[in-house]
């Protein structure tokens, strides 16, 4: 089977976003430091830092990156299913 269930898709997206946040942690921290104590002014005062966060996250969550994650997941799932002897 080469399709993902809705649950598998959601789990992959959640896991990938968590990995992206971990990988982008230094950039996220810079944005958080800029945003600390601000309210409305965060929109323009921290715009450049927020843009860097978005760019970093996009490396891991863009459609192309998600296609690679999906493909690897399916490969591993199919490999695991093939190694399980039939009942």
PDB file of N, CA and C in Angstrom:
ATOM      1  N   UNK A   1       0.853  -1.186   0.000  1.00  0.00           N
ATOM      2  CA  UNK A   1       0.000   0.000   0.000  1.00  0.00           C
ATOM      3  C   UNK A   1       0.895   1.244   0.000  1.00  0.00           C
ATOM      4  N   UNK A   2       0.640   2.167  -0.900  1.00  0.00           N
ATOM      5  CA  UNK A   2       1.484   3.348  -1.039  1.00  0.00           C
ATOM      6  C   UNK A   2       0.779   4.644  -0.673  1.00  0.00           C
ATOM      7  N   UNK A   3      -0.298   4.537   0.077  1.00  0.00           N
ATOM      8  CA  UNK A   3      -0.999   5.741   0.512  1.00  0.00           C
ATOM      9  C   UNK A   3      -0.942   5.828   2.028  1.00  0.00           C
ATOM     10  N   UNK A   4      -0.990   7.047   2.508  1.00  0.00           N
ATOM     11  CA  UNK A   4      -0.985   7.267   3.948  1.00  0.00           C
ATOM     12  C   UNK A   4      -2.409   7.501   4.423  1.00  0.00           C
ATOM     13  N   UNK A   5      -2.713   6.989   5.596  1.00  0.00           N
ATOM     14  CA  UNK A   5      -4.005   7.287   6.204  1.00  0.00           C
ATOM     15  C   UNK A   5      -3.957   8.738   6.686  1.00  0.00           C
ATOM     16  N   UNK A   6      -5.104   9.276   6.972  1.00  0.00           N
ATOM     17  CA  UNK A   6      -5.166  10.655   7.488  1.00  0.00           C
ATOM     18  C   UNK A   6      -4.362  10.760   8.781  1.00  0.00           C
ATOM     19  N   UNK A   7      -4.477   9.751   9.612  1.00  0.00           N
ATOM     20  CA  UNK A   7      -3.753   9.749  10.891  1.00  0.00           C
ATOM     21  C   UNK A   7      -2.240   9.730  10.667  1.00  0.00           C
ATOM     22  N   UNK A   8      -1.776   8.883   9.739  1.00  0.00           N
ATOM     23  CA  UNK A   8      -0.346   8.826   9.431  1.00  0.00           C
ATOM     24  C   UNK A   8       0.142  10.170   8.893  1.00  0.00           C
ATOM     25  N   UNK A   9      -0.638  10.766   8.018  1.00  0.00           N
ATOM     26  CA  UNK A   9      -0.286  12.061   7.435  1.00  0.00           C
ATOM     27  C   UNK A   9      -0.167  13.121   8.528  1.00  0.00           C
ATOM     28  N   UNK A  10      -1.141  13.161   9.432  1.00  0.00           N
ATOM     29  CA  UNK A  10      -1.122  14.130  10.529  1.00  0.00           C
ATOM     30  C   UNK A  10       0.073  13.898  11.449  1.00  0.00           C
ATOM     31  N   UNK A  11       0.371  12.636  11.737  1.00  0.00           N
ATOM     32  CA  UNK A  11       1.501  12.302  12.598  1.00  0.00           C
ATOM     33  C   UNK A  11       2.812  12.717  11.950  1.00  0.00           C
ATOM     34  N   UNK A  12       2.942  12.452  10.655  1.00  0.00           N
ATOM     35  CA  UNK A  12       4.166  12.856   9.945  1.00  0.00           C
ATOM     36  C   UNK A  12       4.339  14.364   9.956  1.00  0.00           C
ATOM     37  N   UNK A  13       3.262  15.093   9.721  1.00  0.00           N
ATOM     38  CA  UNK A  13       3.338  16.555   9.710  1.00  0.00           C
ATOM     39  C   UNK A  13       3.721  17.076  11.094  1.00  0.00           C
ATOM     40  N   UNK A  14       3.097  16.530  12.125  1.00  0.00           N
ATOM     41  CA  UNK A  14       3.389  16.946  13.498  1.00  0.00           C
ATOM     42  C   UNK A  14       4.854  16.662  13.846  1.00  0.00           C
ATOM     43  N   UNK A  15       5.322  15.470  13.500  1.00  0.00           N
ATOM     44  CA  UNK A  15       6.705  15.076  13.775  1.00  0.00           C
ATOM     45  C   UNK A  15       7.684  15.949  13.005  1.00  0.00           C
ATOM     46  N   UNK A  16       7.351  16.229  11.759  1.00  0.00           N
ATOM     47  CA  UNK A  16       8.226  17.053  10.923  1.00  0.00           C
ATOM     48  C   UNK A  16       8.288  18.484  11.447  1.00  0.00           C
ATOM     49  N   UNK A  17       7.168  19.025  11.878  1.00  0.00           N
ATOM     50  CA  UNK A  17       7.161  20.375  12.444  1.00  0.00           C
ATOM     51  C   UNK A  17       7.979  20.433  13.730  1.00  0.00           C
ATOM     52  N   UNK A  18       7.872  19.394  14.545  1.00  0.00           N
ATOM     53  CA  UNK A  18       8.650  19.345  15.789  1.00  0.00           C
ATOM     54  C   UNK A  18      10.145  19.305  15.469  1.00  0.00           C
ATOM     55  N   UNK A  19      10.513  18.523  14.473  1.00  0.00           N
ATOM     56  CA  UNK A  19      11.924  18.453  14.064  1.00  0.00           C
ATOM     57  C   UNK A  19      12.384  19.814  13.540  1.00  0.00           C
ATOM     58  N   UNK A  20      11.532  20.467  12.752  1.00  0.00           N
ATOM     59  CA  UNK A  20      11.873  21.779  12.211  1.00  0.00           C
ATOM     60  C   UNK A  20      12.104  22.777  13.336  1.00  0.00           C
ATOM     61  N   UNK A  21      11.238  22.772  14.340  1.00  0.00           N
ATOM     62  CA  UNK A  21      11.405  23.685  15.473  1.00  0.00           C
ATOM     63  C   UNK A  21      12.722  23.418  16.197  1.00  0.00           C
ATOM     64  N   UNK A  22      13.058  22.137  16.336  1.00  0.00           N
ATOM     65  CA  UNK A  22      14.314  21.778  16.999  1.00  0.00           C
ATOM     66  C   UNK A  22      15.504  22.270  16.173  1.00  0.00           C
ATOM     67  N   UNK A  23      15.461  22.034  14.875  1.00  0.00           N
ATOM     68  CA  UNK A  23      16.552  22.446  13.990  1.00  0.00           C
ATOM     69  C   UNK A  23      16.671  23.975  13.918  1.00  0.00           C
ATOM     70  N   UNK A  24      15.542  24.655  14.015  1.00  0.00           N
ATOM     71  CA  UNK A  24      15.514  26.116  13.889  1.00  0.00           C
ATOM     72  C   UNK A  24      15.563  26.817  15.248  1.00  0.00           C
ATOM     73  N   UNK A  25      15.823  26.069  16.303  1.00  0.00           N
ATOM     74  CA  UNK A  25      15.758  26.602  17.660  1.00  0.00           C
ATOM     75  C   UNK A  25      16.534  27.910  17.865  1.00  0.00           C
ATOM     76  N   UNK A  26      17.781  28.027  17.398  1.00  0.00           N
ATOM     77  CA  UNK A  26      18.496  29.298  17.620  1.00  0.00           C
ATOM     78  C   UNK A  26      17.786  30.494  16.983  1.00  0.00           C
ATOM     79  N   UNK A  27      17.211  30.281  15.810  1.00  0.00           N
ATOM     80  CA  UNK A  27      16.511  31.362  15.096  1.00  0.00           C
ATOM     81  C   UNK A  27      15.201  31.689  15.812  1.00  0.00           C
ATOM     82  N   UNK A  28      14.504  30.660  16.282  1.00  0.00           N
ATOM     83  CA  UNK A  28      13.258  30.856  17.021  1.00  0.00           C
ATOM     84  C   UNK A  28      13.542  31.627  18.310  1.00  0.00           C
ATOM     85  N   UNK A  29      14.635  31.290  18.976  1.00  0.00           N
ATOM     86  CA  UNK A  29      15.003  31.984  20.214  1.00  0.00           C
ATOM     87  C   UNK A  29      15.278  33.464  19.955  1.00  0.00           C
ATOM     88  N   UNK A  30      15.952  33.778  18.843  1.00  0.00           N
ATOM     89  CA  UNK A  30      16.209  35.186  18.494  1.00  0.00           C
ATOM     90  C   UNK A  30      14.897  35.937  18.338  1.00  0.00           C
ATOM     91  N   UNK A  31      13.939  35.312  17.649  1.00  0.00           N
ATOM     92  CA  UNK A  31      12.637  35.948  17.468  1.00  0.00           C
ATOM     93  C   UNK A  31      11.936  36.124  18.812  1.00  0.00           C
ATOM     94  N   UNK A  32      11.981  35.086  19.645  1.00  0.00           N
ATOM     95  CA  UNK A  32      11.323  35.151  20.953  1.00  0.00           C
ATOM     96  C   UNK A  32      11.919  36.264  21.815  1.00  0.00           C
ATOM     97  N   UNK A  33      13.248  36.416  21.766  1.00  0.00           N
ATOM     98  CA  UNK A  33      13.900  37.483  22.533  1.00  0.00           C
ATOM     99  C   UNK A  33      13.455  38.848  22.027  1.00  0.00           C
ATOM    100  N   UNK A  34      13.334  38.976  20.713  1.00  0.00           N
ATOM    101  CA  UNK A  34      12.889  40.244  20.130  1.00  0.00           C
ATOM    102  C   UNK A  34      11.442  40.541  20.542  1.00  0.00           C
ATOM    103  N   UNK A  35      10.617  39.495  20.550  1.00  0.00           N
ATOM    104  CA  UNK A  35       9.188  39.676  20.824  1.00  0.00           C
ATOM    105  C   UNK A  35       8.880  39.861  22.308  1.00  0.00           C
ATOM    106  N   UNK A  36       9.791  39.457  23.173  1.00  0.00           N
ATOM    107  CA  UNK A  36       9.548  39.532  24.613  1.00  0.00           C
ATOM    108  C   UNK A  36       9.222  40.964  25.042  1.00  0.00           C
ATOM    109  N   UNK A  37       8.124  41.111  25.741  1.00  0.00           N
ATOM    110  CA  UNK A  37       7.726  42.410  26.275  1.00  0.00           C
ATOM    111  C   UNK A  37       7.052  43.324  25.265  1.00  0.00           C
ATOM    112  N   UNK A  38       6.885  42.864  24.056  1.00  0.00           N
ATOM    113  CA  UNK A  38       6.227  43.690  23.020  1.00  0.00           C
ATOM    114  C   UNK A  38       4.799  43.204  22.810  1.00  0.00           C
ATOM    115  N   UNK A  39       3.988  44.082  22.299  1.00  0.00           N
ATOM    116  CA  UNK A  39       2.632  43.681  21.913  1.00  0.00           C
ATOM    117  C   UNK A  39       2.464  44.001  20.436  1.00  0.00           C
ATOM    118  N   UNK A  40       1.865  45.107  20.139  1.00  0.00           N
ATOM    119  CA  UNK A  40       1.593  45.483  18.752  1.00  0.00           C
ATOM    120  C   UNK A  40       2.882  45.733  17.967  1.00  0.00           C
ATOM    121  N   UNK A  41       3.905  46.258  18.612  1.00  0.00           N
ATOM    122  CA  UNK A  41       5.134  46.614  17.897  1.00  0.00           C
ATOM    123  C   UNK A  41       5.911  45.405  17.394  1.00  0.00           C
ATOM    124  N   UNK A  42       5.596  44.211  17.898  1.00  0.00           N
ATOM    125  CA  UNK A  42       6.310  43.016  17.453  1.00  0.00           C
ATOM    126  C   UNK A  42       6.168  42.842  15.943  1.00  0.00           C
ATOM    127  N   UNK A  43       5.039  43.272  15.390  1.00  0.00           N
ATOM    128  CA  UNK A  43       4.774  43.092  13.958  1.00  0.00           C
ATOM    129  C   UNK A  43       5.850  43.721  13.083  1.00  0.00           C
ATOM    130  N   UNK A  44       6.337  44.896  13.456  1.00  0.00           N
ATOM    131  CA  UNK A  44       7.368  45.509  12.617  1.00  0.00           C
ATOM    132  C   UNK A  44       8.755  45.449  13.248  1.00  0.00           C
ATOM    133  N   UNK A  45       8.828  45.443  14.559  1.00  0.00           N
ATOM    134  CA  UNK A  45      10.139  45.430  15.226  1.00  0.00           C
ATOM    135  C   UNK A  45      10.865  44.101  15.001  1.00  0.00           C
ATOM    136  N   UNK A  46      10.119  43.015  14.884  1.00  0.00           N
ATOM    137  CA  UNK A  46      10.739  41.688  14.777  1.00  0.00           C
ATOM    138  C   UNK A  46      10.447  41.020  13.430  1.00  0.00           C
ATOM    139  N   UNK A  47      10.010  41.802  12.472  1.00  0.00           N
ATOM    140  CA  UNK A  47       9.626  41.257  11.168  1.00  0.00           C
ATOM    141  C   UNK A  47      10.744  40.447  10.516  1.00  0.00           C
ATOM    142  N   UNK A  48      11.974  40.976  10.529  1.00  0.00           N
ATOM    143  CA  UNK A  48      13.092  40.266   9.893  1.00  0.00           C
ATOM    144  C   UNK A  48      13.383  38.941  10.587  1.00  0.00           C
ATOM    145  N   UNK A  49      13.328  38.936  11.903  1.00  0.00           N
ATOM    146  CA  UNK A  49      13.586  37.701  12.651  1.00  0.00           C
ATOM    147  C   UNK A  49      12.481  36.674  12.395  1.00  0.00           C
ATOM    148  N   UNK A  50      11.243  37.147  12.298  1.00  0.00           N
ATOM    149  CA  UNK A  50      10.132  36.241  12.009  1.00  0.00           C
ATOM    150  C   UNK A  50      10.277  35.651  10.617  1.00  0.00           C
ATOM    151  N   UNK A  51      10.708  36.467   9.681  1.00  0.00           N
ATOM    152  CA  UNK A  51      10.911  35.987   8.306  1.00  0.00           C
ATOM    153  C   UNK A  51      11.975  34.886   8.287  1.00  0.00           C
ATOM    154  N   UNK A  52      13.026  35.034   9.094  1.00  0.00           N
ATOM    155  CA  UNK A  52      14.070  34.003   9.180  1.00  0.00           C
ATOM    156  C   UNK A  52      13.513  32.713   9.768  1.00  0.00           C
ATOM    157  N   UNK A  53      12.622  32.836  10.751  1.00  0.00           N
ATOM    158  CA  UNK A  53      11.983  31.650  11.335  1.00  0.00           C
ATOM    159  C   UNK A  53      11.170  30.938  10.254  1.00  0.00           C
ATOM    160  N   UNK A  54      10.369  31.696   9.516  1.00  0.00           N
ATOM    161  CA  UNK A  54       9.560  31.103   8.447  1.00  0.00           C
ATOM    162  C   UNK A  54      10.432  30.405   7.409  1.00  0.00           C
ATOM    163  N   UNK A  55      11.524  31.053   6.999  1.00  0.00           N
ATOM    164  CA  UNK A  55      12.418  30.473   6.001  1.00  0.00           C
ATOM    165  C   UNK A  55      13.043  29.179   6.508  1.00  0.00           C
ATOM    166  N   UNK A  56      13.465  29.181   7.760  1.00  0.00           N
ATOM    167  CA  UNK A  56      14.066  27.980   8.343  1.00  0.00           C
ATOM    168  C   UNK A  56      13.038  26.856   8.407  1.00  0.00           C
ATOM    169  N   UNK A  57      11.863  27.146   8.908  1.00  0.00           N
ATOM    170  CA  UNK A  57      10.821  26.129   9.029  1.00  0.00           C
ATOM    171  C   UNK A  57      10.430  25.569   7.658  1.00  0.00           C
ATOM    172  N   UNK A  58      10.396  26.423   6.664  1.00  0.00           N
ATOM    173  CA  UNK A  58       9.987  26.007   5.325  1.00  0.00           C
ATOM    174  C   UNK A  58      10.939  24.957   4.736  1.00  0.00           C
ATOM    175  N   UNK A  59      12.210  24.992   5.124  1.00  0.00           N
ATOM    176  CA  UNK A  59      13.158  23.986   4.642  1.00  0.00           C
ATOM    177  C   UNK A  59      12.681  22.579   4.972  1.00  0.00           C
ATOM    178  N   UNK A  60      12.005  22.443   6.103  1.00  0.00           N
ATOM    179  CA  UNK A  60      11.598  21.135   6.600  1.00  0.00           C
ATOM    180  C   UNK A  60      10.135  20.810   6.318  1.00  0.00           C
ATOM    181  N   UNK A  61       9.310  21.829   6.086  1.00  0.00           N
ATOM    182  CA  UNK A  61       7.876  21.598   5.971  1.00  0.00           C
ATOM    183  C   UNK A  61       7.281  21.956   4.611  1.00  0.00           C
ATOM    184  N   UNK A  62       8.104  22.397   3.669  1.00  0.00           N
ATOM    185  CA  UNK A  62       7.585  22.728   2.341  1.00  0.00           C
ATOM    186  C   UNK A  62       7.087  21.446   1.660  1.00  0.00           C
ATOM    187  N   UNK A  63       6.274  21.552   0.638  1.00  0.00           N
ATOM    188  CA  UNK A  63       5.741  20.352  -0.021  1.00  0.00           C
ATOM    189  C   UNK A  63       6.829  19.375  -0.491  1.00  0.00           C
ATOM    190  N   UNK A  64       7.925  19.895  -0.995  1.00  0.00           N
ATOM    191  CA  UNK A  64       8.996  19.021  -1.484  1.00  0.00           C
ATOM    192  C   UNK A  64       9.627  18.234  -0.332  1.00  0.00           C
ATOM    193  N   UNK A  65       9.893  18.912   0.778  1.00  0.00           N
ATOM    194  CA  UNK A  65      10.476  18.246   1.944  1.00  0.00           C
ATOM    195  C   UNK A  65       9.500  17.227   2.516  1.00  0.00           C
ATOM    196  N   UNK A  66       8.226  17.575   2.552  1.00  0.00           N
ATOM    197  CA  UNK A  66       7.219  16.643   3.065  1.00  0.00           C
ATOM    198  C   UNK A  66       7.099  15.424   2.154  1.00  0.00           C
ATOM    199  N   UNK A  67       7.263  15.601   0.858  1.00  0.00           N
ATOM    200  CA  UNK A  67       7.220  14.469  -0.077  1.00  0.00           C
ATOM    201  C   UNK A  67       8.356  13.495   0.221  1.00  0.00           C
ATOM    202  N   UNK A  68       9.537  14.014   0.544  1.00  0.00           N
ATOM    203  CA  UNK A  68      10.682  13.164   0.890  1.00  0.00           C
ATOM    204  C   UNK A  68      10.393  12.399   2.187  1.00  0.00           C
ATOM    205  N   UNK A  69       9.841  13.089   3.178  1.00  0.00           N
ATOM    206  CA  UNK A  69       9.507  12.453   4.458  1.00  0.00           C
ATOM    207  C   UNK A  69       8.473  11.348   4.229  1.00  0.00           C
ATOM    208  N   UNK A  70       7.448  11.654   3.439  1.00  0.00           N
ATOM    209  CA  UNK A  70       6.393  10.688   3.142  1.00  0.00           C
ATOM    210  C   UNK A  70       6.968   9.448   2.446  1.00  0.00           C
ATOM    211  N   UNK A  71       7.815   9.683   1.461  1.00  0.00           N
ATOM    212  CA  UNK A  71       8.433   8.593   0.695  1.00  0.00           C
ATOM    213  C   UNK A  71       9.267   7.688   1.613  1.00  0.00           C
ATOM    214  N   UNK A  72      10.050   8.296   2.495  1.00  0.00           N
ATOM    215  CA  UNK A  72      10.881   7.530   3.422  1.00  0.00           C
ATOM    216  C   UNK A  72      10.006   6.739   4.391  1.00  0.00           C
ATOM    217  N   UNK A  73       8.945   7.350   4.884  1.00  0.00           N
ATOM    218  CA  UNK A  73       8.028   6.661   5.787  1.00  0.00           C
ATOM    219  C   UNK A  73       7.412   5.450   5.091  1.00  0.00           C
ATOM    220  N   UNK A  74       6.938   5.646   3.858  1.00  0.00           N
ATOM    221  CA  UNK A  74       6.332   4.540   3.116  1.00  0.00           C
ATOM    222  C   UNK A  74       7.342   3.429   2.855  1.00  0.00           C
ATOM    223  N   UNK A  75       8.568   3.799   2.540  1.00  0.00           N
ATOM    224  CA  UNK A  75       9.612   2.804   2.291  1.00  0.00           C
ATOM    225  C   UNK A  75       9.838   1.962   3.545  1.00  0.00           C
ATOM    226  N   UNK A  76       9.955   2.624   4.682  1.00  0.00           N
ATOM    227  CA  UNK A  76      10.175   1.908   5.938  1.00  0.00           C
ATOM    228  C   UNK A  76       8.964   1.052   6.317  1.00  0.00           C
ATOM    229  N   UNK A  77       7.770   1.585   6.113  1.00  0.00           N
ATOM    230  CA  UNK A  77       6.550   0.838   6.431  1.00  0.00           C
ATOM    231  C   UNK A  77       6.442  -0.404   5.554  1.00  0.00           C
ATOM    232  N   UNK A  78       6.705  -0.256   4.253  1.00  0.00           N
ATOM    233  CA  UNK A  78       6.633  -1.390   3.336  1.00  0.00           C
ATOM    234  C   UNK A  78       7.702  -2.423   3.664  1.00  0.00           C
ATOM    235  N   UNK A  79       8.873  -1.948   4.023  1.00  0.00           N
ATOM    236  CA  UNK A  79       9.971  -2.845   4.399  1.00  0.00           C
ATOM    237  C   UNK A  79       9.588  -3.644   5.650  1.00  0.00           C
ATOM    238  N   UNK A  80       8.981  -2.970   6.616  1.00  0.00           N
ATOM    239  CA  UNK A  80       8.559  -3.626   7.859  1.00  0.00           C
ATOM    240  C   UNK A  80       7.459  -4.654   7.574  1.00  0.00           C
ATOM    241  N   UNK A  81       6.501  -4.279   6.734  1.00  0.00           N
ATOM    242  CA  UNK A  81       5.399  -5.195   6.396  1.00  0.00           C
ATOM    243  C   UNK A  81       5.939  -6.427   5.680  1.00  0.00           C
ATOM    244  N   UNK A  82       6.953  -6.260   4.832  1.00  0.00           N
ATOM    245  CA  UNK A  82       7.519  -7.366   4.079  1.00  0.00           C
ATOM    246  C   UNK A  82       8.271  -8.333   4.991  1.00  0.00           C
ATOM    247  N   UNK A  83       8.788  -7.837   6.094  1.00  0.00           N
ATOM    248  CA  UNK A  83       9.572  -8.696   6.990  1.00  0.00           C
ATOM    249  C   UNK A  83       8.711  -9.444   8.016  1.00  0.00           C
ATOM    250  N   UNK A  84       7.434  -9.092   8.109  1.00  0.00           N
ATOM    251  CA  UNK A  84       6.534  -9.762   9.046  1.00  0.00           C
ATOM    252  C   UNK A  84       5.964 -10.994   8.354  1.00  0.00           C
ATOM    253  N   UNK A  85       6.189 -12.188   8.941  1.00  0.00           N
ATOM    254  CA  UNK A  85       5.658 -13.400   8.303  1.00  0.00           C
ATOM    255  C   UNK A  85       4.133 -13.426   8.384  1.00  0.00           C
ATOM    256  N   UNK A  86       3.478 -13.958   7.349  1.00  0.00           N
ATOM    257  CA  UNK A  86       2.009 -14.014   7.364  1.00  0.00           C
ATOM    258  C   UNK A  86       1.515 -14.910   8.485  1.00  0.00           C
ATOM    259  N   UNK A  87       0.370 -14.600   9.032  1.00  0.00           N
ATOM    260  CA  UNK A  87      -0.201 -15.388  10.152  1.00  0.00           C
ATOM    261  C   UNK A  87      -0.914 -16.606   9.648  1.00  0.00           C
TER     262      UNK A  87
END
